[in-house]
């Protein structure tokens, strides 16, 4: 993968934000192309991109989800956890942010099979979504097996930096939960290094079992299954917005 920023992520008038992740991978299957062509527009969260909303007016979440609490999954991968949570919690509205179009296509297939009316997608950079989410509007956020960026010089690209954590803190309600799952020990280190000194979050752990055991409503993703096959140990970190 190239170390050059992906300039296609930036619309006219947007602040400059380097984007280093993948936007597309292997050739899409015909069924995935069908999902994108037929379902993506209906499920895409409007008013997020700079072309749609150059003034960056806040989204009207009540109009989108009614009185439901709203949860966000950051980088949903293939979407299995997001669809699981949406099905388990029909009284909650879900927003999934994922720039990787292959993952978006996989999610759409799962949504078509599972049904439901409480899930919308932002197929792009989560920072653009943070721009337009109202203050203290999100009840829960998930960061599950994020890109580890293993090289030391790339650690600043990880989500657990102030560039991402500050806007996340702004949009989370007091008492909201932020879950992080990763199998990379150094990602755990950086997460704790960034989160523990903050005065707007607290780590909800009283003993080792609190980060060794998955959450009661956890749905193991394909990334976790790969980690387990390769003998890597998952960690489950839970933080609360103060």
C-alpha atoms as a PDB file:
ATOM      1  CA  UNK A   1       0.000   0.000   0.000  1.00  0.00           C
ATOM      2  CA  UNK A   2       1.284   3.439  -0.839  1.00  0.00           C
ATOM      3  CA  UNK A   3       2.287   5.802   1.967  1.00  0.00           C
ATOM      4  CA  UNK A   4       0.950   8.730  -0.020  1.00  0.00           C
ATOM      5  CA  UNK A   5      -2.309  10.295   1.214  1.00  0.00           C
ATOM      6  CA  UNK A   6      -5.380   9.451  -0.806  1.00  0.00           C
ATOM      7  CA  UNK A   7      -6.334  12.836  -2.197  1.00  0.00           C
ATOM      8  CA  UNK A   8      -9.616  11.600  -3.646  1.00  0.00           C
ATOM      9  CA  UNK A   9     -11.156  11.743  -0.199  1.00  0.00           C
ATOM     10  CA  UNK A  10     -11.132  15.573  -0.145  1.00  0.00           C
ATOM     11  CA  UNK A  11     -13.942  17.557  -1.726  1.00  0.00           C
ATOM     12  CA  UNK A  12     -13.661  21.188  -2.774  1.00  0.00           C
ATOM     13  CA  UNK A  13     -13.846  23.465   0.239  1.00  0.00           C
ATOM     14  CA  UNK A  14     -13.013  20.790   2.786  1.00  0.00           C
ATOM     15  CA  UNK A  15     -10.105  21.224   5.199  1.00  0.00           C
ATOM     16  CA  UNK A  16      -7.073  19.205   4.175  1.00  0.00           C
ATOM     17  CA  UNK A  17      -7.155  15.775   5.774  1.00  0.00           C
ATOM     18  CA  UNK A  18      -4.724  13.086   4.775  1.00  0.00           C
ATOM     19  CA  UNK A  19      -6.410   9.748   4.257  1.00  0.00           C
ATOM     20  CA  UNK A  20      -4.183   6.666   4.082  1.00  0.00           C
ATOM     21  CA  UNK A  21      -6.600   3.753   4.137  1.00  0.00           C
ATOM     22  CA  UNK A  22      -7.880   1.674   1.234  1.00  0.00           C
ATOM     23  CA  UNK A  23     -10.962   2.731  -0.667  1.00  0.00           C
ATOM     24  CA  UNK A  24     -11.311  -0.453  -2.719  1.00  0.00           C
ATOM     25  CA  UNK A  25      -9.821  -3.929  -2.834  1.00  0.00           C
ATOM     26  CA  UNK A  26     -10.408  -6.973  -4.992  1.00  0.00           C
ATOM     27  CA  UNK A  27     -12.945  -6.882  -7.792  1.00  0.00           C
ATOM     28  CA  UNK A  28     -16.490  -6.877  -6.460  1.00  0.00           C
ATOM     29  CA  UNK A  29     -18.722  -9.861  -7.101  1.00  0.00           C
ATOM     30  CA  UNK A  30     -21.788  -9.301  -9.251  1.00  0.00           C
ATOM     31  CA  UNK A  31     -24.033  -9.595  -6.191  1.00  0.00           C
ATOM     32  CA  UNK A  32     -22.013  -6.932  -4.371  1.00  0.00           C
ATOM     33  CA  UNK A  33     -22.257  -4.607  -7.366  1.00  0.00           C
ATOM     34  CA  UNK A  34     -26.006  -5.173  -7.240  1.00  0.00           C
ATOM     35  CA  UNK A  35     -26.131  -4.246  -3.533  1.00  0.00           C
ATOM     36  CA  UNK A  36     -24.226  -1.038  -4.198  1.00  0.00           C
ATOM     37  CA  UNK A  37     -26.366  -0.117  -7.186  1.00  0.00           C
ATOM     38  CA  UNK A  38     -29.721  -0.920  -5.606  1.00  0.00           C
ATOM     39  CA  UNK A  39     -29.357  -0.423  -1.840  1.00  0.00           C
ATOM     40  CA  UNK A  40     -26.554   2.022  -1.052  1.00  0.00           C
ATOM     41  CA  UNK A  41     -28.398   5.224  -1.908  1.00  0.00           C
ATOM     42  CA  UNK A  42     -31.346   4.324   0.311  1.00  0.00           C
ATOM     43  CA  UNK A  43     -29.131   3.486   3.281  1.00  0.00           C
ATOM     44  CA  UNK A  44     -26.560   6.268   2.883  1.00  0.00           C
ATOM     45  CA  UNK A  45     -26.687   8.926   5.575  1.00  0.00           C
ATOM     46  CA  UNK A  46     -27.214  12.220   3.771  1.00  0.00           C
ATOM     47  CA  UNK A  47     -25.793  15.584   4.721  1.00  0.00           C
ATOM     48  CA  UNK A  48     -22.321  14.313   5.640  1.00  0.00           C
ATOM     49  CA  UNK A  49     -20.150  15.055   2.615  1.00  0.00           C
ATOM     50  CA  UNK A  50     -18.801  18.499   1.913  1.00  0.00           C
ATOM     51  CA  UNK A  51     -20.607  18.591  -1.436  1.00  0.00           C
ATOM     52  CA  UNK A  52     -23.959  17.970   0.271  1.00  0.00           C
ATOM     53  CA  UNK A  53     -23.349  20.110   3.323  1.00  0.00           C
ATOM     54  CA  UNK A  54     -20.574  22.695   2.816  1.00  0.00           C
ATOM     55  CA  UNK A  55     -21.825  24.745   5.774  1.00  0.00           C
ATOM     56  CA  UNK A  56     -21.429  21.645   7.989  1.00  0.00           C
ATOM     57  CA  UNK A  57     -24.887  22.021   9.498  1.00  0.00           C
ATOM     58  CA  UNK A  58     -25.555  19.416  12.209  1.00  0.00           C
ATOM     59  CA  UNK A  59     -27.577  16.359  11.258  1.00  0.00           C
ATOM     60  CA  UNK A  60     -31.128  16.091  12.552  1.00  0.00           C
ATOM     61  CA  UNK A  61     -30.878  12.711  14.246  1.00  0.00           C
ATOM     62  CA  UNK A  62     -34.424  12.925  15.564  1.00  0.00           C
ATOM     63  CA  UNK A  63     -35.680  13.230  12.004  1.00  0.00           C
ATOM     64  CA  UNK A  64     -33.594  10.192  11.012  1.00  0.00           C
ATOM     65  CA  UNK A  65     -34.197   7.911  13.981  1.00  0.00           C
ATOM     66  CA  UNK A  66     -37.033   9.413  16.020  1.00  0.00           C
ATOM     67  CA  UNK A  67     -36.559   9.083  19.772  1.00  0.00           C
ATOM     68  CA  UNK A  68     -34.051   6.256  19.449  1.00  0.00           C
ATOM     69  CA  UNK A  69     -30.637   6.489  21.049  1.00  0.00           C
ATOM     70  CA  UNK A  70     -27.957   6.530  18.316  1.00  0.00           C
ATOM     71  CA  UNK A  71     -24.816   4.384  18.250  1.00  0.00           C
ATOM     72  CA  UNK A  72     -21.879   4.607  15.840  1.00  0.00           C
ATOM     73  CA  UNK A  73     -19.488   1.930  14.604  1.00  0.00           C
ATOM     74  CA  UNK A  74     -16.207   3.338  13.310  1.00  0.00           C
ATOM     75  CA  UNK A  75     -14.811   1.244  10.465  1.00  0.00           C
ATOM     76  CA  UNK A  76     -17.311  -1.619  10.428  1.00  0.00           C
ATOM     77  CA  UNK A  77     -15.260  -3.914   8.165  1.00  0.00           C
ATOM     78  CA  UNK A  78     -17.611  -6.538   6.753  1.00  0.00           C
ATOM     79  CA  UNK A  79     -20.516  -5.292   8.861  1.00  0.00           C
ATOM     80  CA  UNK A  80     -21.279  -8.463  10.800  1.00  0.00           C
ATOM     81  CA  UNK A  81     -21.053  -6.826  14.232  1.00  0.00           C
ATOM     82  CA  UNK A  82     -23.012  -3.775  13.110  1.00  0.00           C
ATOM     83  CA  UNK A  83     -25.870  -5.852  11.677  1.00  0.00           C
ATOM     84  CA  UNK A  84     -25.867  -8.044  14.790  1.00  0.00           C
ATOM     85  CA  UNK A  85     -26.174  -5.034  17.079  1.00  0.00           C
ATOM     86  CA  UNK A  86     -28.877  -3.439  14.932  1.00  0.00           C
ATOM     87  CA  UNK A  87     -30.920  -6.625  15.029  1.00  0.00           C
ATOM     88  CA  UNK A  88     -30.407  -7.060  18.753  1.00  0.00           C
ATOM     89  CA  UNK A  89     -31.347  -3.443  19.515  1.00  0.00           C
ATOM     90  CA  UNK A  90     -34.272  -2.391  17.322  1.00  0.00           C
ATOM     91  CA  UNK A  91     -34.940   0.563  19.641  1.00  0.00           C
ATOM     92  CA  UNK A  92     -31.492   2.036  18.799  1.00  0.00           C
ATOM     93  CA  UNK A  93     -30.465   3.877  15.628  1.00  0.00           C
ATOM     94  CA  UNK A  94     -27.122   2.816  14.125  1.00  0.00           C
ATOM     95  CA  UNK A  95     -24.670   4.673  11.916  1.00  0.00           C
ATOM     96  CA  UNK A  96     -21.790   2.751  10.388  1.00  0.00           C
ATOM     97  CA  UNK A  97     -18.818   4.628   8.929  1.00  0.00           C
ATOM     98  CA  UNK A  98     -16.554   2.767   6.494  1.00  0.00           C
ATOM     99  CA  UNK A  99     -14.604   4.157   3.506  1.00  0.00           C
ATOM    100  CA  UNK A 100     -13.662   0.717   2.099  1.00  0.00           C
ATOM    101  CA  UNK A 101     -16.252   0.076  -0.598  1.00  0.00           C
ATOM    102  CA  UNK A 102     -15.829  -3.718  -0.493  1.00  0.00           C
ATOM    103  CA  UNK A 103     -16.771  -3.661   3.189  1.00  0.00           C
ATOM    104  CA  UNK A 104     -19.754  -1.433   2.436  1.00  0.00           C
ATOM    105  CA  UNK A 105     -20.931  -3.919  -0.202  1.00  0.00           C
ATOM    106  CA  UNK A 106     -20.594  -6.787   2.292  1.00  0.00           C
ATOM    107  CA  UNK A 107     -22.642  -4.869   4.845  1.00  0.00           C
ATOM    108  CA  UNK A 108     -25.400  -4.140   2.319  1.00  0.00           C
ATOM    109  CA  UNK A 109     -25.761  -7.834   1.581  1.00  0.00           C
ATOM    110  CA  UNK A 110     -26.124  -8.590   5.292  1.00  0.00           C
ATOM    111  CA  UNK A 111     -28.662  -5.792   5.743  1.00  0.00           C
ATOM    112  CA  UNK A 112     -30.717  -7.059   2.806  1.00  0.00           C
ATOM    113  CA  UNK A 113     -30.832 -10.498   4.406  1.00  0.00           C
ATOM    114  CA  UNK A 114     -31.472  -9.323   7.972  1.00  0.00           C
ATOM    115  CA  UNK A 115     -33.903  -6.490   7.248  1.00  0.00           C
ATOM    116  CA  UNK A 116     -34.582  -3.761   9.802  1.00  0.00           C
ATOM    117  CA  UNK A 117     -35.029  -0.014   9.585  1.00  0.00           C
ATOM    118  CA  UNK A 118     -32.565   1.304  12.152  1.00  0.00           C
ATOM    119  CA  UNK A 119     -29.244   1.347  10.286  1.00  0.00           C
ATOM    120  CA  UNK A 120     -27.681   3.981   8.023  1.00  0.00           C
ATOM    121  CA  UNK A 121     -24.243   4.095   6.397  1.00  0.00           C
ATOM    122  CA  UNK A 122     -21.620   6.761   5.840  1.00  0.00           C
ATOM    123  CA  UNK A 123     -19.357   5.260   3.131  1.00  0.00           C
ATOM    124  CA  UNK A 124     -16.456   7.587   3.857  1.00  0.00           C
ATOM    125  CA  UNK A 125     -14.080   9.135   6.383  1.00  0.00           C
ATOM    126  CA  UNK A 126     -15.522   9.133   9.898  1.00  0.00           C
ATOM    127  CA  UNK A 127     -14.034  12.584  10.505  1.00  0.00           C
ATOM    128  CA  UNK A 128     -16.537  14.021   8.034  1.00  0.00           C
ATOM    129  CA  UNK A 129     -19.300  12.343  10.036  1.00  0.00           C
ATOM    130  CA  UNK A 130     -17.974  13.790  13.296  1.00  0.00           C
ATOM    131  CA  UNK A 131     -18.122  17.254  11.706  1.00  0.00           C
ATOM    132  CA  UNK A 132     -21.906  17.102  11.404  1.00  0.00           C
ATOM    133  CA  UNK A 133     -22.983  15.041  14.411  1.00  0.00           C
ATOM    134  CA  UNK A 134     -24.497  17.299  17.082  1.00  0.00           C
ATOM    135  CA  UNK A 135     -22.739  17.727  20.404  1.00  0.00           C
ATOM    136  CA  UNK A 136     -23.521  15.001  22.951  1.00  0.00           C
ATOM    137  CA  UNK A 137     -25.748  13.094  20.528  1.00  0.00           C
ATOM    138  CA  UNK A 138     -24.256   9.564  20.469  1.00  0.00           C
ATOM    139  CA  UNK A 139     -24.912   6.961  23.145  1.00  0.00           C
ATOM    140  CA  UNK A 140     -22.270   4.393  22.191  1.00  0.00           C
ATOM    141  CA  UNK A 141     -19.308   4.083  19.840  1.00  0.00           C
ATOM    142  CA  UNK A 142     -17.453   0.977  18.663  1.00  0.00           C
ATOM    143  CA  UNK A 143     -13.880   0.766  17.366  1.00  0.00           C
ATOM    144  CA  UNK A 144     -13.347  -2.920  16.563  1.00  0.00           C
ATOM    145  CA  UNK A 145     -10.120  -4.320  15.163  1.00  0.00           C
ATOM    146  CA  UNK A 146      -9.031  -1.045  13.574  1.00  0.00           C
ATOM    147  CA  UNK A 147      -6.164  -0.868  11.096  1.00  0.00           C
ATOM    148  CA  UNK A 148      -3.126  -1.446  13.355  1.00  0.00           C
ATOM    149  CA  UNK A 149      -0.626   0.587  11.305  1.00  0.00           C
ATOM    150  CA  UNK A 150       2.161  -1.534  12.826  1.00  0.00           C
ATOM    151  CA  UNK A 151       5.157   0.552  11.766  1.00  0.00           C
ATOM    152  CA  UNK A 152       6.167   3.076  14.417  1.00  0.00           C
ATOM    153  CA  UNK A 153       6.294   5.961  11.958  1.00  0.00           C
ATOM    154  CA  UNK A 154       2.646   5.250  11.096  1.00  0.00           C
ATOM    155  CA  UNK A 155       1.267   5.218  14.648  1.00  0.00           C
ATOM    156  CA  UNK A 156      -0.024   8.779  14.202  1.00  0.00           C
ATOM    157  CA  UNK A 157      -2.457   7.363  11.630  1.00  0.00           C
ATOM    158  CA  UNK A 158      -4.209   5.220  14.228  1.00  0.00           C
ATOM    159  CA  UNK A 159      -7.665   6.232  15.391  1.00  0.00           C
ATOM    160  CA  UNK A 160      -6.518   6.542  18.996  1.00  0.00           C
ATOM    161  CA  UNK A 161      -4.962   9.982  18.521  1.00  0.00           C
ATOM    162  CA  UNK A 162      -6.343  13.393  19.437  1.00  0.00           C
ATOM    163  CA  UNK A 163      -7.315  14.096  15.827  1.00  0.00           C
ATOM    164  CA  UNK A 164     -10.026  11.447  16.205  1.00  0.00           C
ATOM    165  CA  UNK A 165     -10.569  11.216  19.960  1.00  0.00           C
ATOM    166  CA  UNK A 166     -11.328  14.906  20.484  1.00  0.00           C
ATOM    167  CA  UNK A 167     -14.249  15.005  18.018  1.00  0.00           C
ATOM    168  CA  UNK A 168     -15.420  11.614  19.291  1.00  0.00           C
ATOM    169  CA  UNK A 169     -15.551  13.031  22.816  1.00  0.00           C
ATOM    170  CA  UNK A 170     -17.541  16.013  21.563  1.00  0.00           C
ATOM    171  CA  UNK A 171     -20.292  13.904  19.984  1.00  0.00           C
ATOM    172  CA  UNK A 172     -20.640  11.355  22.811  1.00  0.00           C
ATOM    173  CA  UNK A 173     -23.264  11.941  25.473  1.00  0.00           C
ATOM    174  CA  UNK A 174     -22.214  12.067  29.131  1.00  0.00           C
ATOM    175  CA  UNK A 175     -22.227   8.459  30.266  1.00  0.00           C
ATOM    176  CA  UNK A 176     -21.841   7.121  26.713  1.00  0.00           C
ATOM    177  CA  UNK A 177     -19.731   3.998  26.237  1.00  0.00           C
ATOM    178  CA  UNK A 178     -16.735   3.720  23.891  1.00  0.00           C
ATOM    179  CA  UNK A 179     -15.628   0.148  23.147  1.00  0.00           C
ATOM    180  CA  UNK A 180     -12.274  -0.765  21.612  1.00  0.00           C
ATOM    181  CA  UNK A 181     -11.350  -4.299  20.527  1.00  0.00           C
ATOM    182  CA  UNK A 182      -7.922  -5.176  19.149  1.00  0.00           C
ATOM    183  CA  UNK A 183      -5.488  -8.076  19.055  1.00  0.00           C
ATOM    184  CA  UNK A 184      -2.430  -5.825  18.707  1.00  0.00           C
ATOM    185  CA  UNK A 185      -0.601  -5.270  22.046  1.00  0.00           C
ATOM    186  CA  UNK A 186       0.966  -2.033  20.868  1.00  0.00           C
ATOM    187  CA  UNK A 187      -2.463  -0.723  19.864  1.00  0.00           C
ATOM    188  CA  UNK A 188      -3.596  -1.436  23.418  1.00  0.00           C
ATOM    189  CA  UNK A 189      -0.549   0.449  24.696  1.00  0.00           C
ATOM    190  CA  UNK A 190      -1.270   3.500  22.564  1.00  0.00           C
ATOM    191  CA  UNK A 191      -4.972   3.411  23.418  1.00  0.00           C
ATOM    192  CA  UNK A 192      -4.202   3.473  27.120  1.00  0.00           C
ATOM    193  CA  UNK A 193      -1.475   6.067  26.672  1.00  0.00           C
ATOM    194  CA  UNK A 194      -3.950   8.389  24.954  1.00  0.00           C
ATOM    195  CA  UNK A 195      -7.117   7.634  26.929  1.00  0.00           C
ATOM    196  CA  UNK A 196      -6.002   7.365  30.541  1.00  0.00           C
ATOM    197  CA  UNK A 197      -4.692  10.959  30.873  1.00  0.00           C
ATOM    198  CA  UNK A 198      -7.887  12.418  29.406  1.00  0.00           C
ATOM    199  CA  UNK A 199     -10.284  14.057  31.842  1.00  0.00           C
ATOM    200  CA  UNK A 200     -13.343  13.370  29.665  1.00  0.00           C
ATOM    201  CA  UNK A 201     -13.208   9.540  29.744  1.00  0.00           C
ATOM    202  CA  UNK A 202     -12.781   6.876  32.399  1.00  0.00           C
ATOM    203  CA  UNK A 203     -11.632   3.307  31.854  1.00  0.00           C
ATOM    204  CA  UNK A 204     -14.188   0.824  33.155  1.00  0.00           C
ATOM    205  CA  UNK A 205     -11.932  -1.966  34.336  1.00  0.00           C
ATOM    206  CA  UNK A 206     -11.511  -3.328  37.835  1.00  0.00           C
ATOM    207  CA  UNK A 207      -9.378  -6.349  37.003  1.00  0.00           C
ATOM    208  CA  UNK A 208      -7.695  -8.256  34.151  1.00  0.00           C
ATOM    209  CA  UNK A 209     -10.835 -10.207  33.266  1.00  0.00           C
ATOM    210  CA  UNK A 210     -12.507  -6.928  32.314  1.00  0.00           C
ATOM    211  CA  UNK A 211     -10.321  -6.622  29.239  1.00  0.00           C
ATOM    212  CA  UNK A 212      -9.732 -10.323  28.551  1.00  0.00           C
ATOM    213  CA  UNK A 213     -13.356 -11.394  28.195  1.00  0.00           C
ATOM    214  CA  UNK A 214     -15.598 -10.135  25.384  1.00  0.00           C
ATOM    215  CA  UNK A 215     -18.688  -8.111  26.142  1.00  0.00           C
ATOM    216  CA  UNK A 216     -21.899 -10.038  26.858  1.00  0.00           C
ATOM    217  CA  UNK A 217     -23.455  -8.895  23.577  1.00  0.00           C
ATOM    218  CA  UNK A 218     -20.291  -9.366  21.535  1.00  0.00           C
ATOM    219  CA  UNK A 219     -20.388 -10.790  18.017  1.00  0.00           C
ATOM    220  CA  UNK A 220     -16.995 -12.102  16.981  1.00  0.00           C
ATOM    221  CA  UNK A 221     -15.948 -10.590  13.657  1.00  0.00           C
ATOM    222  CA  UNK A 222     -14.006 -12.191  10.843  1.00  0.00           C
ATOM    223  CA  UNK A 223     -10.986 -10.123  11.903  1.00  0.00           C
ATOM    224  CA  UNK A 224     -11.143 -11.587  15.382  1.00  0.00           C
ATOM    225  CA  UNK A 225     -11.515 -15.105  14.031  1.00  0.00           C
ATOM    226  CA  UNK A 226      -8.375 -14.588  11.964  1.00  0.00           C
ATOM    227  CA  UNK A 227      -6.537 -13.281  15.028  1.00  0.00           C
ATOM    228  CA  UNK A 228      -7.554 -16.331  17.045  1.00  0.00           C
ATOM    229  CA  UNK A 229      -6.448 -18.696  14.282  1.00  0.00           C
ATOM    230  CA  UNK A 230      -3.059 -16.968  14.326  1.00  0.00           C
ATOM    231  CA  UNK A 231      -2.824 -17.208  18.142  1.00  0.00           C
ATOM    232  CA  UNK A 232      -3.154 -13.483  18.782  1.00  0.00           C
ATOM    233  CA  UNK A 233      -4.966 -12.466  21.970  1.00  0.00           C
ATOM    234  CA  UNK A 234      -7.988 -10.142  21.736  1.00  0.00           C
ATOM    235  CA  UNK A 235      -8.335  -7.266  24.180  1.00  0.00           C
ATOM    236  CA  UNK A 236     -11.659  -5.613  25.006  1.00  0.00           C
ATOM    237  CA  UNK A 237     -11.384  -2.082  26.409  1.00  0.00           C
ATOM    238  CA  UNK A 238     -14.371  -0.115  27.680  1.00  0.00           C
ATOM    239  CA  UNK A 239     -14.388   3.613  28.383  1.00  0.00           C
ATOM    240  CA  UNK A 240     -17.174   5.908  29.614  1.00  0.00           C
ATOM    241  CA  UNK A 241     -17.622   9.516  28.592  1.00  0.00           C
ATOM    242  CA  UNK A 242     -17.654  11.752  31.651  1.00  0.00           C
END
